[in-house]
Amino acid sequence: MTSPFRQNPVFRFAPSPNGPLHLGHALSAFLNHDMAVAQGGLFLLRIEDIDLMRCTPAFEQGIYQDLRWLGLTWEEPVRRQSEHFFEYRAALDRFIDMGLVYPAFMSRGEIKAFVSEYESAGQSWPRDPDGAPLYPPLDKERDPQEVKALLASGAKHAWRLNMERALAQLSDPLVWLELGQGSETSIEADPAAWGDVVLSRSDAPSSYHLSVVIDDALQGVTKVVRGLDLFHATSMHRLLQALLDLPVPEYHHHRLILGPDGRKLSKSEGSTGLTVLRDAGCTPSDVRRFVGL
């Protein structure tokens, strides 16, 4: 559902506290903050810490320190995803009630073995836009009594979206308004390219895809400004928004800061970390220059 945009647009910067911020994060934070100021809007900070195994309080504190050093301010309180698992679970329960998700029991190793066996015959197994193999159809074909028994036994499982059933719910093509290509462009979404994506798993109560669309809706975000590496993910987000009847923000996917190898920066590359740059005597103005602003 597309709703009229507020008079004051709402932007958000949403890092994960699983490592130190680097120049790529600085570019995204600057763009969101500067656009909010220029348009008389709000700049929100969201901590995306659904990965309870990798996210730490120390990295979270590092995010606040780095952003304050850059001279950025944001609305309070900060939304932390780990405090809102019940909201993501409520959305998952809706999908369960609608019959649009199913429990998936295959491990990563089993998926890899299935794909390897399939491709050993000279055929190519389909992959999503990130290059990961699409989930095999075995769990969708399980006998309902077998599924019930597996769940009752406590077998580890994820909840995956049944893409075929989800697409059957739509009456109109999915599109989004893209502002990051120099002009307003209507982009047709292709969620089928992602296959049956995970919405929840035993070690992560919510997936990125599910939590981000709910967070954006609940926070009233109207402008999603993020890196080009998430351009194709927008197709999945548009599908979830349509299924949950959520408002649709405008999107702006910006260029990435690339490393010497031509790939986007990683949190493991210490030389581009904001804390490292600060300790080396760089100023926030230097960082703006480094990211091309």
Protein backbone atom coordinates (compact mmCIF):
# COMPACT_ATOMS: atom_id res chain seq x y z
CA MET A 1 0.00 0.00 0.00
CA THR A 2 1.45 3.34 -0.97
CA SER A 3 0.59 6.17 1.39
CA PRO A 4 1.11 9.93 0.91
CA PHE A 5 4.54 11.00 2.10
CA ARG A 6 4.73 13.15 5.18
CA GLN A 7 5.52 16.80 4.86
CA ASN A 8 8.73 16.10 6.75
CA PRO A 9 10.54 13.10 5.22
CA VAL A 10 12.06 10.48 7.50
CA PHE A 11 15.50 8.98 6.80
CA ARG A 12 17.35 6.26 8.69
CA PHE A 13 20.87 4.90 9.02
CA ALA A 14 20.74 1.27 10.17
CA PRO A 15 24.13 -0.36 10.87
CA SER A 16 24.68 -3.77 12.47
CA PRO A 17 26.95 -3.85 15.55
CA ASN A 18 28.95 -6.86 14.35
CA GLY A 19 32.13 -4.97 13.55
CA PRO A 20 33.60 -1.45 13.37
CA LEU A 21 32.14 1.14 10.97
CA HIS A 22 34.19 1.92 7.87
CA LEU A 23 34.17 4.49 5.06
CA GLY A 24 31.23 2.79 3.34
CA HIS A 25 29.13 3.29 6.44
CA ALA A 26 30.31 6.89 6.66
CA LEU A 27 29.07 7.59 3.12
CA SER A 28 25.63 6.17 3.87
CA ALA A 29 25.36 7.95 7.22
CA PHE A 30 26.43 11.29 5.70
CA LEU A 31 23.97 10.98 2.82
CA ASN A 32 21.03 10.14 5.07
CA HIS A 33 21.89 12.88 7.55
CA ASP A 34 22.58 15.54 4.93
CA MET A 35 19.43 14.76 2.93
CA ALA A 36 17.33 14.91 6.10
CA VAL A 37 18.78 18.30 7.00
CA ALA A 38 18.38 19.66 3.45
CA GLN A 39 14.76 18.50 3.23
CA GLY A 40 13.73 19.52 6.72
CA GLY A 41 13.24 15.89 7.69
CA LEU A 42 14.16 13.52 10.49
CA PHE A 43 17.33 11.44 10.72
CA LEU A 44 16.90 8.18 12.64
CA LEU A 45 19.53 5.76 13.87
CA ARG A 46 18.53 2.10 14.06
CA ILE A 47 20.71 -0.67 15.48
CA GLU A 48 20.11 -3.85 13.47
CA ASP A 49 21.22 -6.45 16.00
CA ILE A 50 19.05 -9.45 15.15
CA ASP A 51 22.21 -11.57 14.84
CA LEU A 52 22.63 -12.28 18.54
CA MET A 53 25.77 -14.36 17.96
CA ARG A 54 27.83 -11.69 16.19
CA CYS A 55 26.46 -8.38 17.48
CA THR A 56 28.05 -7.03 20.67
CA PRO A 57 27.51 -4.07 23.03
CA ALA A 58 31.09 -2.95 22.38
CA PHE A 59 30.50 -2.63 18.64
CA GLU A 60 27.22 -0.82 19.34
CA GLN A 61 28.99 1.73 21.52
CA GLY A 62 31.56 2.11 18.76
CA ILE A 63 28.79 3.08 16.33
CA TYR A 64 27.62 5.90 18.62
CA GLN A 65 31.18 7.13 19.15
CA ASP A 66 32.04 7.12 15.45
CA LEU A 67 28.85 8.91 14.40
CA ARG A 68 29.24 11.57 17.09
CA TRP A 69 32.83 12.10 15.95
CA LEU A 70 31.54 12.62 12.40
CA GLY A 71 29.30 15.38 13.78
CA LEU A 72 26.01 13.58 13.23
CA THR A 73 23.00 13.81 15.52
CA TRP A 74 19.84 11.70 15.42
CA GLU A 75 16.41 11.37 16.93
CA GLU A 76 16.04 9.58 20.26
CA PRO A 77 15.34 6.92 21.29
CA VAL A 78 17.39 4.68 19.04
CA ARG A 79 15.49 1.60 17.87
CA ARG A 80 17.31 -1.66 18.64
CA GLN A 81 15.94 -4.66 16.76
CA SER A 82 16.72 -7.06 19.59
CA GLU A 83 14.07 -5.28 21.66
CA HIS A 84 11.34 -5.89 19.08
CA PHE A 85 11.41 -9.59 18.27
CA PHE A 86 7.75 -9.83 19.30
CA GLU A 87 6.77 -7.50 16.46
CA TYR A 88 8.62 -9.59 13.89
CA ARG A 89 7.06 -12.75 15.36
CA ALA A 90 3.60 -11.22 14.99
CA ALA A 91 4.28 -10.67 11.28
CA LEU A 92 5.56 -14.24 10.91
CA ASP A 93 2.42 -15.54 12.62
CA ARG A 94 0.36 -13.66 10.05
CA PHE A 95 2.20 -15.45 7.27
CA ILE A 96 1.70 -18.79 9.04
CA ASP A 97 -2.03 -18.12 9.33
CA MET A 98 -2.13 -17.16 5.64
CA GLY A 99 -0.37 -20.40 4.68
CA LEU A 100 2.45 -18.46 2.99
CA VAL A 101 5.38 -19.94 4.91
CA TYR A 102 6.57 -23.45 5.70
CA PRO A 103 9.09 -25.01 8.12
CA ALA A 104 12.35 -25.79 6.34
CA PHE A 105 14.59 -28.43 7.93
CA MET A 106 17.54 -28.69 5.52
CA SER A 107 20.90 -27.59 6.92
CA ARG A 108 23.39 -25.54 4.93
CA GLY A 109 25.40 -28.72 4.38
CA GLU A 110 22.37 -30.58 3.08
CA ILE A 111 21.53 -27.74 0.70
CA LYS A 112 25.11 -27.73 -0.59
CA ALA A 113 25.05 -31.51 -1.07
CA PHE A 114 21.70 -31.35 -2.91
CA VAL A 115 22.95 -28.66 -5.28
CA SER A 116 26.27 -30.43 -5.88
CA GLU A 117 24.51 -33.67 -6.77
CA TYR A 118 22.12 -31.82 -9.07
CA GLU A 119 24.90 -29.97 -10.84
CA SER A 120 27.10 -33.07 -11.14
CA ALA A 121 24.75 -34.14 -13.94
CA GLY A 122 25.73 -31.04 -15.92
CA GLN A 123 22.74 -28.93 -15.01
CA SER A 124 22.87 -25.54 -13.33
CA TRP A 125 20.88 -24.99 -10.12
CA PRO A 126 19.28 -21.51 -9.93
CA ARG A 127 20.83 -18.89 -7.66
CA ASP A 128 19.56 -15.69 -6.10
CA PRO A 129 20.92 -12.19 -6.92
CA ASP A 130 23.58 -12.63 -4.22
CA GLY A 131 24.77 -15.86 -5.79
CA ALA A 132 23.38 -18.25 -3.17
CA PRO A 133 21.54 -21.36 -4.44
CA LEU A 134 17.77 -21.22 -4.20
CA TYR A 135 16.29 -23.46 -1.55
CA PRO A 136 15.40 -26.97 -2.81
CA PRO A 137 11.69 -27.90 -2.91
CA LEU A 138 12.00 -30.98 -0.67
CA ASP A 139 10.41 -29.46 2.43
CA LYS A 140 7.43 -28.14 0.51
CA GLU A 141 6.83 -31.70 -0.71
CA ARG A 142 7.00 -33.34 2.73
CA ASP A 143 3.94 -35.20 4.00
CA PRO A 144 2.05 -32.95 6.49
CA GLN A 145 2.18 -35.68 9.14
CA GLU A 146 5.95 -35.90 8.75
CA VAL A 147 6.22 -32.13 9.13
CA LYS A 148 4.05 -32.26 12.26
CA ALA A 149 6.23 -35.01 13.74
CA LEU A 150 9.44 -33.12 12.99
CA LEU A 151 8.12 -29.99 14.68
CA ALA A 152 6.92 -31.98 17.68
CA SER A 153 10.38 -33.54 18.02
CA GLY A 154 12.00 -30.12 18.28
CA ALA A 155 13.91 -30.49 15.01
CA LYS A 156 15.80 -27.31 14.06
CA HIS A 157 14.07 -25.45 11.30
CA ALA A 158 13.65 -22.10 9.59
CA TRP A 159 10.45 -20.54 8.34
CA ARG A 160 10.66 -19.85 4.62
CA LEU A 161 8.32 -17.89 2.41
CA ASN A 162 6.50 -19.98 -0.17
CA MET A 163 7.28 -17.72 -3.10
CA GLU A 164 4.76 -19.29 -5.46
CA ARG A 165 1.90 -18.85 -3.01
CA ALA A 166 3.05 -15.36 -2.05
CA LEU A 167 3.11 -14.16 -5.66
CA ALA A 168 -0.37 -15.62 -6.17
CA GLN A 169 -1.64 -13.10 -3.59
CA LEU A 170 -0.74 -10.15 -5.80
CA SER A 171 -3.18 -8.52 -8.17
CA ASP A 172 -0.81 -5.88 -9.58
CA PRO A 173 2.89 -5.79 -10.52
CA LEU A 174 5.24 -4.65 -7.77
CA VAL A 175 7.26 -1.50 -8.39
CA TRP A 176 9.28 0.99 -6.39
CA LEU A 177 10.37 4.56 -7.01
CA GLU A 178 14.15 4.70 -7.34
CA LEU A 179 15.82 8.08 -6.83
CA GLY A 180 19.45 6.97 -6.94
CA GLN A 181 19.89 6.97 -10.71
CA GLY A 182 19.88 10.73 -11.19
CA SER A 183 16.13 10.91 -11.78
CA GLU A 184 12.92 9.33 -10.53
CA THR A 185 12.68 5.87 -12.05
CA SER A 186 9.94 3.29 -11.58
CA ILE A 187 11.59 -0.11 -11.06
CA GLU A 188 9.64 -3.34 -11.48
CA ALA A 189 10.38 -5.73 -8.64
CA ASP A 190 11.35 -9.36 -9.25
CA PRO A 191 10.98 -11.14 -5.89
CA ALA A 192 10.82 -14.57 -7.58
CA ALA A 193 14.58 -14.25 -8.20
CA TRP A 194 15.10 -14.81 -4.46
CA GLY A 195 13.19 -18.08 -4.22
CA ASP A 196 11.83 -19.21 -0.86
CA VAL A 197 13.71 -16.81 1.42
CA VAL A 198 14.17 -17.31 5.15
CA LEU A 199 11.96 -15.14 7.37
CA SER A 200 13.02 -16.66 10.68
CA ARG A 201 15.44 -19.34 11.91
CA SER A 202 16.39 -20.92 15.22
CA ASP A 203 19.53 -18.79 15.67
CA ALA A 204 17.94 -15.55 14.41
CA PRO A 205 14.30 -14.88 15.38
CA SER A 206 13.84 -12.66 12.33
CA SER A 207 15.56 -12.28 8.98
CA TYR A 208 16.94 -9.03 7.64
CA HIS A 209 14.23 -8.95 4.98
CA LEU A 210 11.35 -9.26 7.45
CA SER A 211 12.67 -7.01 10.20
CA VAL A 212 13.72 -4.16 7.92
CA VAL A 213 10.32 -3.71 6.28
CA ILE A 214 8.55 -3.81 9.65
CA ASP A 215 11.02 -1.36 11.20
CA ASP A 216 10.71 1.08 8.31
CA ALA A 217 6.91 0.97 8.55
CA LEU A 218 6.74 1.34 12.33
CA GLN A 219 9.26 4.17 12.31
CA GLY A 220 7.48 6.01 9.51
CA VAL A 221 10.53 5.93 7.23
CA THR A 222 9.71 7.57 3.90
CA LYS A 223 13.16 7.63 2.28
CA VAL A 224 15.40 4.56 2.30
CA VAL A 225 18.93 5.61 1.34
CA ARG A 226 21.34 2.67 1.26
CA GLY A 227 24.08 1.05 -0.82
CA LEU A 228 23.70 -0.48 -4.26
CA ASP A 229 24.48 -3.89 -2.76
CA LEU A 230 20.88 -3.90 -1.48
CA PHE A 231 19.28 -2.80 -4.76
CA HIS A 232 18.00 -6.28 -5.67
CA ALA A 233 16.85 -6.96 -2.11
CA THR A 234 14.27 -4.21 -2.61
CA SER A 235 12.28 -6.65 -4.76
CA MET A 236 11.82 -8.91 -1.73
CA HIS A 237 11.04 -5.96 0.52
CA ARG A 238 8.33 -4.77 -1.86
CA LEU A 239 6.73 -8.22 -1.77
CA LEU A 240 6.68 -8.33 2.03
CA GLN A 241 5.29 -4.79 2.16
CA ALA A 242 2.49 -5.79 -0.19
CA LEU A 243 1.66 -8.96 1.74
CA LEU A 244 1.60 -7.12 5.08
CA ASP A 245 -0.15 -4.04 3.65
CA LEU A 246 2.69 -1.73 4.73
CA PRO A 247 3.43 1.76 3.38
CA VAL A 248 6.06 1.96 0.64
CA PRO A 249 8.98 4.39 1.03
CA GLU A 250 10.97 5.86 -1.81
CA TYR A 251 14.39 4.30 -2.38
CA HIS A 252 17.78 5.78 -3.18
CA HIS A 253 20.58 3.24 -3.71
CA HIS A 254 23.92 5.01 -3.65
CA ARG A 255 27.34 4.08 -4.99
CA LEU A 256 29.60 1.86 -2.92
CA ILE A 257 33.05 2.63 -1.56
CA LEU A 258 35.30 -0.03 -3.04
CA GLY A 259 38.56 -1.45 -1.77
CA PRO A 260 41.78 -1.98 -3.76
CA ASP A 261 40.41 -5.29 -5.04
CA GLY A 262 37.37 -3.56 -6.56
CA ARG A 263 34.99 -5.11 -4.05
CA LYS A 264 32.87 -3.30 -1.47
CA LEU A 265 34.56 -2.63 1.85
CA SER A 266 34.46 -5.21 4.61
CA LYS A 267 34.46 -4.60 8.35
CA SER A 268 37.60 -6.73 8.50
CA GLU A 269 39.57 -4.15 6.52
CA GLY A 270 41.00 -2.17 9.41
CA SER A 271 42.63 0.57 7.34
CA THR A 272 39.22 1.98 6.36
CA GLY A 273 37.73 1.76 9.86
CA LEU A 274 36.52 5.08 11.24
CA THR A 275 38.14 4.49 14.64
CA VAL A 276 41.48 3.73 12.94
CA LEU A 277 41.21 6.89 10.84
CA ARG A 278 40.33 8.99 13.89
CA ASP A 279 43.27 7.57 15.87
CA ALA A 280 45.53 8.35 12.89
CA GLY A 281 44.64 12.04 13.16
CA CYS A 282 42.01 12.30 10.41
CA THR A 283 39.16 14.78 10.80
CA PRO A 284 35.48 14.41 9.87
CA SER A 285 36.21 16.72 6.94
CA ASP A 286 38.90 14.31 5.79
CA VAL A 287 36.38 11.47 5.92
CA ARG A 288 33.90 13.45 3.83
CA ARG A 289 36.63 13.99 1.27
CA PHE A 290 37.62 10.33 1.33
CA VAL A 291 34.05 9.27 0.46
CA GLY A 292 33.71 11.89 -2.29
CA LEU A 293 31.42 14.39 -0.57
